[in-house]
Amino acid sequence: MVFKKLLGALGVGGPSVDTVLQPDPALPGGPLSGEVRLRGGGTDVTVEQISLLLVARVEVEGHDEEHDSTVVLERFTVGGGFRLAEDAEHTVPFTVTLPWETPVTHLHGQSLGPILGIRTELEVAGARDKGDLDALAVGPLPAQEAILEAFGQLGYGFKSADLELGHIRGTGQRLPCYQEIEIVPPAGQAHAVNEIEVTFLAAPDGLEVVIEADKRAGLFSEGHDTVHRFTTSHHAVPQADRNAEVDAWLQQVIGARASHAAPYPYAQGGGHHHHHDDHHRSGPGTGAVVAGVAAGVAVGVVGGMVAAEVIDEVGDAFEGDDEGEGGEEE
């Protein structure tokens, strides 16, 4: 018995954990439901706490190099304070609310590239934590989808999406990272701008949209970046109105002179220095350009999207970062 307790303390023969998430993509600011399935190990244990961690794979830019890391976006406590008998089965259902700024991973069923996961941590008295990691799919809010659709109908094409560690100054950003969706202009605008990066910062009362344009050099001007912040509502409006709204934003962004660019540096924190030059960031696992859109799927920015490579095991993306969660918010 003493030897069995020692093995338990070393994590050998302890309880197993399997977390099952809802099959449909979640939405930013919306509920995420599922259940944590436990099976007792070789001895009775007390489960002190069950936690779910919303984790993300992010790009970190330093002075000399760029690398990937894992940050914790949110932590939820979903259970605990019970005895789990040897070989017994116990299920803990849960429903938690995702942060409004949760990055979007899928659009019209297509992966955009960013990788999110739900990591389950089991705190057991006298034993090491057992864990489980599951991929999380997040779709866009209706307003986000309509704005992306507007870009597509205005002739812009999706290039890539990634997550950057840091904060955008002058915004209400709360999470330790932000999502950049890179789109390329139609032929009629290619002379003026190389690409545009769109960041959504959702909140209960509305949506901040940060648009950065990498503008080309002109005959009498150098190339430069302009950053503009717009706000809009979550209310449903006709797509034509969304198209007009986005078109007005673009006229302001692309038509802005250097003196009208945002006066604040784009990002701060986390050792991150936002830059462009000829370096184009892309989300992990991006693959070939999708040739078309399946029947019944809305036309738009997804029509020119870069498909993400299929990820069989989300754990591969977070491998080696178990101790690298420095972005966790207290």
C-alpha atoms as a PDB file:
ATOM      1  CA  MET A   1       0.000   0.000   0.000  1.00  0.00           C
ATOM      2  CA  VAL A   2       2.839   2.385   0.841  1.00  0.00           C
ATOM      3  CA  PHE A   3       4.453   1.602  -2.531  1.00  0.00           C
ATOM      4  CA  LYS A   4       1.127   2.225  -4.312  1.00  0.00           C
ATOM      5  CA  LYS A   5       0.817   5.631  -2.634  1.00  0.00           C
ATOM      6  CA  LEU A   6       4.393   6.445  -3.677  1.00  0.00           C
ATOM      7  CA  LEU A   7       3.588   5.603  -7.286  1.00  0.00           C
ATOM      8  CA  GLY A   8       0.531   7.848  -7.071  1.00  0.00           C
ATOM      9  CA  ALA A   9       2.654  10.713  -5.832  1.00  0.00           C
ATOM     10  CA  LEU A  10       4.886  10.240  -8.874  1.00  0.00           C
ATOM     11  CA  GLY A  11       1.934  10.337 -11.227  1.00  0.00           C
ATOM     12  CA  VAL A  12       1.988   6.604 -11.908  1.00  0.00           C
ATOM     13  CA  GLY A  13      -1.349   4.842 -11.860  1.00  0.00           C
ATOM     14  CA  GLY A  14      -3.204   8.095 -11.182  1.00  0.00           C
ATOM     15  CA  PRO A  15      -6.590   9.089 -12.603  1.00  0.00           C
ATOM     16  CA  SER A  16      -6.982   9.649 -16.340  1.00  0.00           C
ATOM     17  CA  VAL A  17      -8.657  12.714 -17.869  1.00  0.00           C
ATOM     18  CA  ASP A  18     -10.545  13.061 -21.137  1.00  0.00           C
ATOM     19  CA  THR A  19     -12.271  16.351 -21.965  1.00  0.00           C
ATOM     20  CA  VAL A  20     -14.922  16.353 -24.690  1.00  0.00           C
ATOM     21  CA  LEU A  21     -15.919  19.716 -26.195  1.00  0.00           C
ATOM     22  CA  GLN A  22     -19.071  20.636 -28.069  1.00  0.00           C
ATOM     23  CA  PRO A  23     -18.756  19.609 -31.732  1.00  0.00           C
ATOM     24  CA  ASP A  24     -19.754  22.957 -33.265  1.00  0.00           C
ATOM     25  CA  PRO A  25     -17.371  25.946 -33.368  1.00  0.00           C
ATOM     26  CA  ALA A  26     -17.737  28.303 -30.431  1.00  0.00           C
ATOM     27  CA  LEU A  27     -18.108  32.067 -30.808  1.00  0.00           C
ATOM     28  CA  PRO A  28     -16.154  34.877 -29.140  1.00  0.00           C
ATOM     29  CA  GLY A  29     -17.978  35.943 -25.993  1.00  0.00           C
ATOM     30  CA  GLY A  30     -20.219  32.886 -26.267  1.00  0.00           C
ATOM     31  CA  PRO A  31     -20.633  29.678 -24.271  1.00  0.00           C
ATOM     32  CA  LEU A  32     -18.368  26.662 -24.549  1.00  0.00           C
ATOM     33  CA  SER A  33     -19.883  23.441 -23.260  1.00  0.00           C
ATOM     34  CA  GLY A  34     -18.561  19.949 -22.756  1.00  0.00           C
ATOM     35  CA  GLU A  35     -17.668  17.485 -20.070  1.00  0.00           C
ATOM     36  CA  VAL A  36     -14.577  16.293 -18.249  1.00  0.00           C
ATOM     37  CA  ARG A  37     -14.514  12.504 -18.001  1.00  0.00           C
ATOM     38  CA  LEU A  38     -12.430  11.065 -15.196  1.00  0.00           C
ATOM     39  CA  ARG A  39     -11.441   7.493 -14.484  1.00  0.00           C
ATOM     40  CA  GLY A  40      -9.865   6.551 -11.210  1.00  0.00           C
ATOM     41  CA  GLY A  41      -6.380   5.076 -11.119  1.00  0.00           C
ATOM     42  CA  GLY A  42      -4.824   2.492  -8.875  1.00  0.00           C
ATOM     43  CA  THR A  43      -5.847   4.179  -5.647  1.00  0.00           C
ATOM     44  CA  ASP A  44      -8.537   6.437  -4.194  1.00  0.00           C
ATOM     45  CA  VAL A  45      -7.733  10.147  -4.574  1.00  0.00           C
ATOM     46  CA  THR A  46      -9.228  13.503  -3.703  1.00  0.00           C
ATOM     47  CA  VAL A  47      -9.769  15.735  -6.716  1.00  0.00           C
ATOM     48  CA  GLU A  48      -9.186  19.202  -5.344  1.00  0.00           C
ATOM     49  CA  GLN A  49      -9.833  21.237  -8.497  1.00  0.00           C
ATOM     50  CA  ILE A  50     -10.523  20.842 -12.208  1.00  0.00           C
ATOM     51  CA  SER A  51      -9.381  23.762 -14.350  1.00  0.00           C
ATOM     52  CA  LEU A  52      -9.756  24.519 -18.037  1.00  0.00           C
ATOM     53  CA  LEU A  53      -7.147  26.766 -19.653  1.00  0.00           C
ATOM     54  CA  LEU A  54      -7.789  28.527 -22.946  1.00  0.00           C
ATOM     55  CA  VAL A  55      -4.353  28.481 -24.594  1.00  0.00           C
ATOM     56  CA  ALA A  56      -3.104  29.924 -27.870  1.00  0.00           C
ATOM     57  CA  ARG A  57      -0.037  29.546 -30.045  1.00  0.00           C
ATOM     58  CA  VAL A  58       1.390  33.023 -30.662  1.00  0.00           C
ATOM     59  CA  GLU A  59       4.278  34.630 -32.500  1.00  0.00           C
ATOM     60  CA  VAL A  60       6.758  36.561 -30.378  1.00  0.00           C
ATOM     61  CA  GLU A  61       9.026  39.084 -32.074  1.00  0.00           C
ATOM     62  CA  GLY A  62      12.223  40.099 -30.346  1.00  0.00           C
ATOM     63  CA  HIS A  63      14.984  42.418 -31.419  1.00  0.00           C
ATOM     64  CA  ASP A  64      16.795  39.810 -33.476  1.00  0.00           C
ATOM     65  CA  GLU A  65      14.504  36.847 -34.001  1.00  0.00           C
ATOM     66  CA  GLU A  66      10.951  35.588 -33.998  1.00  0.00           C
ATOM     67  CA  HIS A  67       9.709  32.479 -32.227  1.00  0.00           C
ATOM     68  CA  ASP A  68       6.479  30.772 -31.242  1.00  0.00           C
ATOM     69  CA  SER A  69       5.221  30.458 -27.703  1.00  0.00           C
ATOM     70  CA  THR A  70       2.097  29.480 -25.792  1.00  0.00           C
ATOM     71  CA  VAL A  71       0.023  31.905 -23.741  1.00  0.00           C
ATOM     72  CA  VAL A  72      -2.932  31.324 -21.472  1.00  0.00           C
ATOM     73  CA  LEU A  73      -5.833  33.559 -22.481  1.00  0.00           C
ATOM     74  CA  GLU A  74      -8.272  32.535 -19.752  1.00  0.00           C
ATOM     75  CA  ARG A  75      -8.582  30.065 -16.883  1.00  0.00           C
ATOM     76  CA  PHE A  76     -11.848  28.498 -15.720  1.00  0.00           C
ATOM     77  CA  THR A  77     -12.540  26.381 -12.635  1.00  0.00           C
ATOM     78  CA  VAL A  78     -15.230  23.826 -13.464  1.00  0.00           C
ATOM     79  CA  GLY A  79     -15.209  21.392 -10.550  1.00  0.00           C
ATOM     80  CA  GLY A  80     -13.385  19.785  -7.654  1.00  0.00           C
ATOM     81  CA  GLY A  81     -13.741  18.887  -3.998  1.00  0.00           C
ATOM     82  CA  PHE A  82     -14.745  15.246  -4.367  1.00  0.00           C
ATOM     83  CA  ARG A  83     -13.347  11.760  -3.847  1.00  0.00           C
ATOM     84  CA  LEU A  84     -12.557   9.604  -6.886  1.00  0.00           C
ATOM     85  CA  ALA A  85     -12.407   5.934  -6.029  1.00  0.00           C
ATOM     86  CA  GLU A  86     -10.024   3.427  -7.572  1.00  0.00           C
ATOM     87  CA  ASP A  87     -11.127   2.608 -11.175  1.00  0.00           C
ATOM     88  CA  ALA A  88     -14.319   4.646 -10.704  1.00  0.00           C
ATOM     89  CA  GLU A  89     -15.752   6.815 -13.500  1.00  0.00           C
ATOM     90  CA  HIS A  90     -16.916  10.364 -12.890  1.00  0.00           C
ATOM     91  CA  THR A  91     -18.184  12.995 -15.354  1.00  0.00           C
ATOM     92  CA  VAL A  92     -18.180  16.743 -14.768  1.00  0.00           C
ATOM     93  CA  PRO A  93     -20.296  18.717 -17.285  1.00  0.00           C
ATOM     94  CA  PHE A  94     -19.413  22.367 -17.782  1.00  0.00           C
ATOM     95  CA  THR A  95     -20.379  25.537 -19.601  1.00  0.00           C
ATOM     96  CA  VAL A  96     -17.971  28.466 -19.596  1.00  0.00           C
ATOM     97  CA  THR A  97     -17.999  31.809 -21.396  1.00  0.00           C
ATOM     98  CA  LEU A  98     -15.150  32.558 -23.777  1.00  0.00           C
ATOM     99  CA  PRO A  99     -13.524  36.010 -23.789  1.00  0.00           C
ATOM    100  CA  TRP A 100     -14.977  38.406 -26.330  1.00  0.00           C
ATOM    101  CA  GLU A 101     -11.536  38.820 -27.897  1.00  0.00           C
ATOM    102  CA  THR A 102     -11.061  35.088 -28.481  1.00  0.00           C
ATOM    103  CA  PRO A 103      -9.336  34.745 -31.887  1.00  0.00           C
ATOM    104  CA  VAL A 104     -11.242  33.330 -34.836  1.00  0.00           C
ATOM    105  CA  THR A 105      -9.839  30.019 -36.106  1.00  0.00           C
ATOM    106  CA  HIS A 106     -12.395  29.041 -38.761  1.00  0.00           C
ATOM    107  CA  LEU A 107     -14.437  30.803 -41.443  1.00  0.00           C
ATOM    108  CA  HIS A 108     -17.078  28.981 -43.494  1.00  0.00           C
ATOM    109  CA  GLY A 109     -15.670  25.695 -42.203  1.00  0.00           C
ATOM    110  CA  GLN A 110     -12.138  26.519 -43.391  1.00  0.00           C
ATOM    111  CA  SER A 111      -9.240  26.796 -40.976  1.00  0.00           C
ATOM    112  CA  LEU A 112      -7.596  30.225 -40.998  1.00  0.00           C
ATOM    113  CA  GLY A 113      -4.377  29.062 -39.338  1.00  0.00           C
ATOM    114  CA  PRO A 114      -4.377  30.259 -35.686  1.00  0.00           C
ATOM    115  CA  ILE A 115      -4.294  27.425 -33.161  1.00  0.00           C
ATOM    116  CA  LEU A 116      -6.287  27.446 -29.928  1.00  0.00           C
ATOM    117  CA  GLY A 117      -6.721  24.693 -27.399  1.00  0.00           C
ATOM    118  CA  ILE A 118      -8.399  23.821 -24.129  1.00  0.00           C
ATOM    119  CA  ARG A 119      -5.981  22.359 -21.624  1.00  0.00           C
ATOM    120  CA  THR A 120      -7.499  20.470 -18.701  1.00  0.00           C
ATOM    121  CA  GLU A 121      -5.628  20.463 -15.404  1.00  0.00           C
ATOM    122  CA  LEU A 122      -6.538  18.094 -12.594  1.00  0.00           C
ATOM    123  CA  GLU A 123      -5.268  18.909  -9.123  1.00  0.00           C
ATOM    124  CA  VAL A 124      -5.128  15.757  -7.071  1.00  0.00           C
ATOM    125  CA  ALA A 125      -4.007  15.697  -3.452  1.00  0.00           C
ATOM    126  CA  GLY A 126      -0.661  13.978  -3.109  1.00  0.00           C
ATOM    127  CA  ALA A 127      -0.176  13.481  -6.850  1.00  0.00           C
ATOM    128  CA  ARG A 128       1.061  15.357  -9.872  1.00  0.00           C
ATOM    129  CA  ASP A 129      -1.469  17.142 -12.047  1.00  0.00           C
ATOM    130  CA  LYS A 130      -2.911  15.118 -14.880  1.00  0.00           C
ATOM    131  CA  GLY A 131      -3.930  16.949 -17.999  1.00  0.00           C
ATOM    132  CA  ASP A 132      -5.614  16.781 -21.376  1.00  0.00           C
ATOM    133  CA  LEU A 133      -5.347  19.076 -24.418  1.00  0.00           C
ATOM    134  CA  ASP A 134      -8.061  19.504 -27.032  1.00  0.00           C
ATOM    135  CA  ALA A 135      -8.232  21.641 -30.171  1.00  0.00           C
ATOM    136  CA  LEU A 136     -10.771  24.455 -30.052  1.00  0.00           C
ATOM    137  CA  ALA A 137     -12.543  25.783 -33.134  1.00  0.00           C
ATOM    138  CA  VAL A 138     -13.901  29.335 -32.957  1.00  0.00           C
ATOM    139  CA  GLY A 139     -16.042  30.925 -35.651  1.00  0.00           C
ATOM    140  CA  PRO A 140     -16.576  34.647 -36.237  1.00  0.00           C
ATOM    141  CA  LEU A 141     -19.291  36.767 -34.714  1.00  0.00           C
ATOM    142  CA  PRO A 142     -21.954  37.817 -37.243  1.00  0.00           C
ATOM    143  CA  ALA A 143     -20.496  41.323 -37.477  1.00  0.00           C
ATOM    144  CA  GLN A 144     -16.983  39.959 -37.982  1.00  0.00           C
ATOM    145  CA  GLU A 145     -18.167  37.605 -40.704  1.00  0.00           C
ATOM    146  CA  ALA A 146     -20.092  40.399 -42.438  1.00  0.00           C
ATOM    147  CA  ILE A 147     -17.019  42.661 -42.397  1.00  0.00           C
ATOM    148  CA  LEU A 148     -14.822  39.935 -43.867  1.00  0.00           C
ATOM    149  CA  GLU A 149     -17.517  39.268 -46.445  1.00  0.00           C
ATOM    150  CA  ALA A 150     -17.471  42.976 -47.307  1.00  0.00           C
ATOM    151  CA  PHE A 151     -13.731  42.881 -47.933  1.00  0.00           C
ATOM    152  CA  GLY A 152     -14.279  39.936 -50.246  1.00  0.00           C
ATOM    153  CA  GLN A 153     -17.079  41.609 -52.151  1.00  0.00           C
ATOM    154  CA  LEU A 154     -14.890  44.693 -52.552  1.00  0.00           C
ATOM    155  CA  GLY A 155     -12.294  42.532 -54.282  1.00  0.00           C
ATOM    156  CA  TYR A 156      -9.870  41.821 -51.432  1.00  0.00           C
ATOM    157  CA  GLY A 157      -8.475  38.318 -50.893  1.00  0.00           C
ATOM    158  CA  PHE A 158      -7.470  36.489 -47.741  1.00  0.00           C
ATOM    159  CA  LYS A 159      -3.737  35.850 -47.353  1.00  0.00           C
ATOM    160  CA  SER A 160      -3.147  34.526 -43.828  1.00  0.00           C
ATOM    161  CA  ALA A 161      -3.963  35.001 -40.154  1.00  0.00           C
ATOM    162  CA  ASP A 162      -1.778  34.799 -37.086  1.00  0.00           C
ATOM    163  CA  LEU A 163      -1.648  35.706 -33.409  1.00  0.00           C
ATOM    164  CA  GLU A 164       0.850  38.269 -32.156  1.00  0.00           C
ATOM    165  CA  LEU A 165       1.979  38.698 -28.570  1.00  0.00           C
ATOM    166  CA  GLY A 166       1.552  42.282 -27.377  1.00  0.00           C
ATOM    167  CA  HIS A 167      -1.038  45.032 -27.017  1.00  0.00           C
ATOM    168  CA  ILE A 168      -2.313  47.575 -29.508  1.00  0.00           C
ATOM    169  CA  ARG A 169      -2.115  51.010 -27.964  1.00  0.00           C
ATOM    170  CA  GLY A 170      -5.154  53.223 -27.946  1.00  0.00           C
ATOM    171  CA  THR A 171      -7.588  50.305 -27.901  1.00  0.00           C
ATOM    172  CA  GLY A 172      -9.566  48.440 -25.281  1.00  0.00           C
ATOM    173  CA  GLN A 173      -7.604  45.217 -25.802  1.00  0.00           C
ATOM    174  CA  ARG A 174      -7.693  42.888 -22.790  1.00  0.00           C
ATOM    175  CA  LEU A 175      -5.998  39.654 -23.883  1.00  0.00           C
ATOM    176  CA  PRO A 176      -2.177  39.363 -24.006  1.00  0.00           C
ATOM    177  CA  CYS A 177      -2.235  38.811 -27.776  1.00  0.00           C
ATOM    178  CA  TYR A 178      -4.158  40.016 -30.809  1.00  0.00           C
ATOM    179  CA  GLN A 179      -5.110  38.453 -34.126  1.00  0.00           C
ATOM    180  CA  GLU A 180      -3.988  39.854 -37.465  1.00  0.00           C
ATOM    181  CA  ILE A 181      -5.902  38.876 -40.587  1.00  0.00           C
ATOM    182  CA  GLU A 182      -3.832  39.742 -43.650  1.00  0.00           C
ATOM    183  CA  ILE A 183      -5.639  40.506 -46.892  1.00  0.00           C
ATOM    184  CA  VAL A 184      -4.388  41.607 -50.273  1.00  0.00           C
ATOM    185  CA  PRO A 185      -5.947  44.383 -52.382  1.00  0.00           C
ATOM    186  CA  PRO A 186      -7.679  44.033 -55.744  1.00  0.00           C
ATOM    187  CA  ALA A 187      -5.803  45.022 -58.891  1.00  0.00           C
ATOM    188  CA  GLY A 188      -7.281  48.507 -58.793  1.00  0.00           C
ATOM    189  CA  GLN A 189      -5.661  49.235 -55.413  1.00  0.00           C
ATOM    190  CA  ALA A 190      -2.422  47.286 -55.836  1.00  0.00           C
ATOM    191  CA  HIS A 191      -0.589  50.433 -56.920  1.00  0.00           C
ATOM    192  CA  ALA A 192      -1.392  52.115 -53.612  1.00  0.00           C
ATOM    193  CA  VAL A 193      -1.119  49.372 -50.985  1.00  0.00           C
ATOM    194  CA  ASN A 194       0.777  46.103 -50.602  1.00  0.00           C
ATOM    195  CA  GLU A 195      -1.516  44.502 -48.047  1.00  0.00           C
ATOM    196  CA  ILE A 196      -3.914  45.295 -45.239  1.00  0.00           C
ATOM    197  CA  GLU A 197      -3.992  43.770 -41.759  1.00  0.00           C
ATOM    198  CA  VAL A 198      -7.281  43.659 -39.891  1.00  0.00           C
ATOM    199  CA  THR A 199      -7.628  43.110 -36.136  1.00  0.00           C
ATOM    200  CA  PHE A 200     -10.982  42.567 -34.401  1.00  0.00           C
ATOM    201  CA  LEU A 201     -11.311  43.541 -30.745  1.00  0.00           C
ATOM    202  CA  ALA A 202     -14.795  42.522 -29.736  1.00  0.00           C
ATOM    203  CA  ALA A 203     -16.587  43.636 -26.577  1.00  0.00           C
ATOM    204  CA  PRO A 204     -20.168  43.249 -25.335  1.00  0.00           C
ATOM    205  CA  ASP A 205     -21.132  46.735 -26.514  1.00  0.00           C
ATOM    206  CA  GLY A 206     -19.488  46.731 -29.935  1.00  0.00           C
ATOM    207  CA  LEU A 207     -16.533  45.889 -32.128  1.00  0.00           C
ATOM    208  CA  GLU A 208     -13.241  47.716 -32.563  1.00  0.00           C
ATOM    209  CA  VAL A 209     -11.654  47.184 -35.968  1.00  0.00           C
ATOM    210  CA  VAL A 210      -7.997  48.129 -36.337  1.00  0.00           C
ATOM    211  CA  ILE A 211      -6.824  48.372 -39.948  1.00  0.00           C
ATOM    212  CA  GLU A 212      -3.175  48.778 -40.865  1.00  0.00           C
ATOM    213  CA  ALA A 213      -2.186  49.420 -44.471  1.00  0.00           C
ATOM    214  CA  ASP A 214       1.270  48.754 -45.850  1.00  0.00           C
ATOM    215  CA  LYS A 215       1.304  51.536 -48.421  1.00  0.00           C
ATOM    216  CA  ARG A 216       3.513  51.532 -51.471  1.00  0.00           C
ATOM    217  CA  ALA A 217       5.990  54.270 -52.253  1.00  0.00           C
ATOM    218  CA  GLY A 218       4.769  56.890 -54.713  1.00  0.00           C
ATOM    219  CA  LEU A 219       6.560  59.111 -57.183  1.00  0.00           C
ATOM    220  CA  PHE A 220       7.121  61.773 -54.536  1.00  0.00           C
ATOM    221  CA  SER A 221       6.673  59.761 -51.332  1.00  0.00           C
ATOM    222  CA  GLU A 222       8.199  56.814 -49.513  1.00  0.00           C
ATOM    223  CA  GLY A 223       6.321  53.671 -48.547  1.00  0.00           C
ATOM    224  CA  HIS A 224       4.848  53.756 -45.041  1.00  0.00           C
ATOM    225  CA  ASP A 225       2.290  52.170 -42.737  1.00  0.00           C
ATOM    226  CA  THR A 226      -0.931  53.805 -41.634  1.00  0.00           C
ATOM    227  CA  VAL A 227      -3.005  52.546 -38.730  1.00  0.00           C
ATOM    228  CA  HIS A 228      -6.628  53.469 -38.144  1.00  0.00           C
ATOM    229  CA  ARG A 229      -9.161  52.362 -35.553  1.00  0.00           C
ATOM    230  CA  PHE A 230     -12.888  52.135 -36.263  1.00  0.00           C
ATOM    231  CA  THR A 231     -15.846  51.076 -34.156  1.00  0.00           C
ATOM    232  CA  THR A 232     -19.051  49.394 -35.221  1.00  0.00           C
ATOM    233  CA  SER A 233     -21.989  47.604 -33.624  1.00  0.00           C
ATOM    234  CA  HIS A 234     -23.012  43.974 -33.366  1.00  0.00           C
ATOM    235  CA  HIS A 235     -26.409  44.794 -34.829  1.00  0.00           C
ATOM    236  CA  ALA A 236     -27.372  42.970 -37.992  1.00  0.00           C
ATOM    237  CA  VAL A 237     -27.499  45.241 -41.025  1.00  0.00           C
ATOM    238  CA  PRO A 238     -27.930  44.505 -44.735  1.00  0.00           C
ATOM    239  CA  GLN A 239     -24.709  43.285 -46.343  1.00  0.00           C
ATOM    240  CA  ALA A 240     -24.801  46.228 -48.733  1.00  0.00           C
ATOM    241  CA  ASP A 241     -24.589  48.572 -45.738  1.00  0.00           C
ATOM    242  CA  ARG A 242     -21.614  46.625 -44.365  1.00  0.00           C
ATOM    243  CA  ASN A 243     -19.951  46.853 -47.753  1.00  0.00           C
ATOM    244  CA  ALA A 244     -20.429  50.618 -47.775  1.00  0.00           C
ATOM    245  CA  GLU A 245     -19.109  50.898 -44.207  1.00  0.00           C
ATOM    246  CA  VAL A 246     -15.946  48.923 -44.988  1.00  0.00           C
ATOM    247  CA  ASP A 247     -15.463  50.800 -48.256  1.00  0.00           C
ATOM    248  CA  ALA A 248     -15.547  54.092 -46.335  1.00  0.00           C
ATOM    249  CA  TRP A 249     -12.935  52.734 -43.925  1.00  0.00           C
ATOM    250  CA  LEU A 250     -10.700  51.721 -46.798  1.00  0.00           C
ATOM    251  CA  GLN A 251     -11.033  55.094 -48.474  1.00  0.00           C
ATOM    252  CA  GLN A 252      -9.812  56.678 -45.260  1.00  0.00           C
ATOM    253  CA  VAL A 253      -6.999  54.169 -44.689  1.00  0.00           C
ATOM    254  CA  ILE A 254      -5.649  53.984 -48.223  1.00  0.00           C
ATOM    255  CA  GLY A 255      -6.221  57.662 -48.972  1.00  0.00           C
ATOM    256  CA  ALA A 256      -4.570  58.837 -45.759  1.00  0.00           C
ATOM    257  CA  ARG A 257      -1.305  60.660 -46.082  1.00  0.00           C
ATOM    258  CA  ALA A 258       1.597  59.850 -43.810  1.00  0.00           C
ATOM    259  CA  SER A 259       0.743  62.838 -41.623  1.00  0.00           C
ATOM    260  CA  HIS A 260      -2.677  61.334 -40.974  1.00  0.00           C
ATOM    261  CA  ALA A 261      -1.359  57.977 -39.770  1.00  0.00           C
ATOM    262  CA  ALA A 262      -2.061  56.906 -36.218  1.00  0.00           C
ATOM    263  CA  PRO A 263       0.280  58.797 -33.864  1.00  0.00           C
ATOM    264  CA  TYR A 264       0.823  55.845 -31.520  1.00  0.00           C
ATOM    265  CA  PRO A 265       3.158  52.881 -32.074  1.00  0.00           C
ATOM    266  CA  TYR A 266       1.048  49.946 -33.235  1.00  0.00           C
ATOM    267  CA  ALA A 267       1.898  47.462 -30.516  1.00  0.00           C
ATOM    268  CA  GLN A 268       3.628  47.295 -27.195  1.00  0.00           C
ATOM    269  CA  GLY A 269       4.553  44.782 -24.549  1.00  0.00           C
ATOM    270  CA  GLY A 270       5.880  41.260 -24.608  1.00  0.00           C
ATOM    271  CA  GLY A 271       9.110  42.325 -26.262  1.00  0.00           C
ATOM    272  CA  HIS A 272       7.097  42.776 -29.444  1.00  0.00           C
ATOM    273  CA  HIS A 273       8.074  45.340 -32.041  1.00  0.00           C
ATOM    274  CA  HIS A 274       5.682  45.562 -34.960  1.00  0.00           C
ATOM    275  CA  HIS A 275       7.420  45.943 -38.296  1.00  0.00           C
ATOM    276  CA  HIS A 276       6.784  45.332 -41.974  1.00  0.00           C
ATOM    277  CA  ASP A 277       9.540  45.899 -44.514  1.00  0.00           C
ATOM    278  CA  ASP A 278       9.445  42.853 -46.809  1.00  0.00           C
ATOM    279  CA  HIS A 279       8.577  40.424 -44.040  1.00  0.00           C
ATOM    280  CA  HIS A 280       5.118  38.928 -44.265  1.00  0.00           C
ATOM    281  CA  ARG A 281       3.884  36.927 -41.297  1.00  0.00           C
ATOM    282  CA  SER A 282       1.647  33.923 -41.770  1.00  0.00           C
ATOM    283  CA  GLY A 283      -0.274  31.638 -39.476  1.00  0.00           C
ATOM    284  CA  PRO A 284       1.177  28.221 -38.633  1.00  0.00           C
ATOM    285  CA  GLY A 285       0.536  25.433 -41.104  1.00  0.00           C
ATOM    286  CA  THR A 286      -0.649  27.494 -44.055  1.00  0.00           C
ATOM    287  CA  GLY A 287      -0.898  25.555 -47.300  1.00  0.00           C
ATOM    288  CA  ALA A 288      -2.100  25.934 -50.867  1.00  0.00           C
ATOM    289  CA  VAL A 289      -4.641  28.465 -52.032  1.00  0.00           C
ATOM    290  CA  VAL A 290      -8.182  27.138 -52.076  1.00  0.00           C
ATOM    291  CA  ALA A 291      -9.295  26.932 -55.685  1.00  0.00           C
ATOM    292  CA  GLY A 292     -12.937  27.735 -55.012  1.00  0.00           C
ATOM    293  CA  VAL A 293     -15.739  27.833 -52.491  1.00  0.00           C
ATOM    294  CA  ALA A 294     -18.092  24.903 -51.947  1.00  0.00           C
ATOM    295  CA  ALA A 295     -21.667  25.311 -53.107  1.00  0.00           C
ATOM    296  CA  GLY A 296     -23.840  27.045 -50.549  1.00  0.00           C
ATOM    297  CA  VAL A 297     -20.956  28.840 -48.863  1.00  0.00           C
ATOM    298  CA  ALA A 298     -21.020  32.611 -49.067  1.00  0.00           C
ATOM    299  CA  VAL A 299     -18.676  34.223 -51.550  1.00  0.00           C
ATOM    300  CA  GLY A 300     -16.270  36.741 -50.106  1.00  0.00           C
ATOM    301  CA  VAL A 301     -12.861  36.933 -48.575  1.00  0.00           C
ATOM    302  CA  VAL A 302     -12.836  33.157 -48.099  1.00  0.00           C
ATOM    303  CA  GLY A 303     -12.871  32.765 -51.877  1.00  0.00           C
ATOM    304  CA  GLY A 304      -9.189  33.638 -52.010  1.00  0.00           C
ATOM    305  CA  MET A 305      -8.236  32.226 -48.669  1.00  0.00           C
ATOM    306  CA  VAL A 306      -5.095  30.336 -47.856  1.00  0.00           C
ATOM    307  CA  ALA A 307      -6.134  26.981 -46.442  1.00  0.00           C
ATOM    308  CA  ALA A 308      -4.444  25.786 -43.263  1.00  0.00           C
ATOM    309  CA  GLU A 309      -2.719  22.452 -43.280  1.00  0.00           C
ATOM    310  CA  VAL A 310      -4.681  19.801 -41.425  1.00  0.00           C
ATOM    311  CA  ILE A 311      -3.419  19.392 -37.867  1.00  0.00           C
ATOM    312  CA  ASP A 312      -3.907  15.836 -36.649  1.00  0.00           C
ATOM    313  CA  GLU A 313      -2.804  16.507 -33.108  1.00  0.00           C
ATOM    314  CA  VAL A 314      -3.185  19.960 -31.614  1.00  0.00           C
ATOM    315  CA  GLY A 315      -0.677  18.883 -28.984  1.00  0.00           C
ATOM    316  CA  ASP A 316       2.057  19.020 -31.642  1.00  0.00           C
ATOM    317  CA  ALA A 317       1.542  22.765 -31.919  1.00  0.00           C
ATOM    318  CA  PHE A 318       2.010  23.280 -28.185  1.00  0.00           C
ATOM    319  CA  GLU A 319       4.775  20.712 -27.777  1.00  0.00           C
ATOM    320  CA  GLY A 320       7.623  21.879 -25.593  1.00  0.00           C
ATOM    321  CA  ASP A 321       5.750  24.853 -24.163  1.00  0.00           C
ATOM    322  CA  ASP A 322       4.319  23.337 -20.995  1.00  0.00           C
ATOM    323  CA  GLU A 323       6.434  25.687 -18.947  1.00  0.00           C
ATOM    324  CA  GLY A 324       6.305  28.598 -21.363  1.00  0.00           C
ATOM    325  CA  GLU A 325       3.020  30.211 -20.403  1.00  0.00           C
ATOM    326  CA  GLY A 326       4.449  33.551 -19.441  1.00  0.00           C
ATOM    327  CA  GLY A 327       1.541  35.318 -21.066  1.00  0.00           C
ATOM    328  CA  GLU A 328      -0.940  34.082 -18.499  1.00  0.00           C
ATOM    329  CA  GLU A 329      -2.957  36.873 -16.959  1.00  0.00           C
ATOM    330  CA  GLU A 330      -3.353  36.975 -13.235  1.00  0.00           C
END
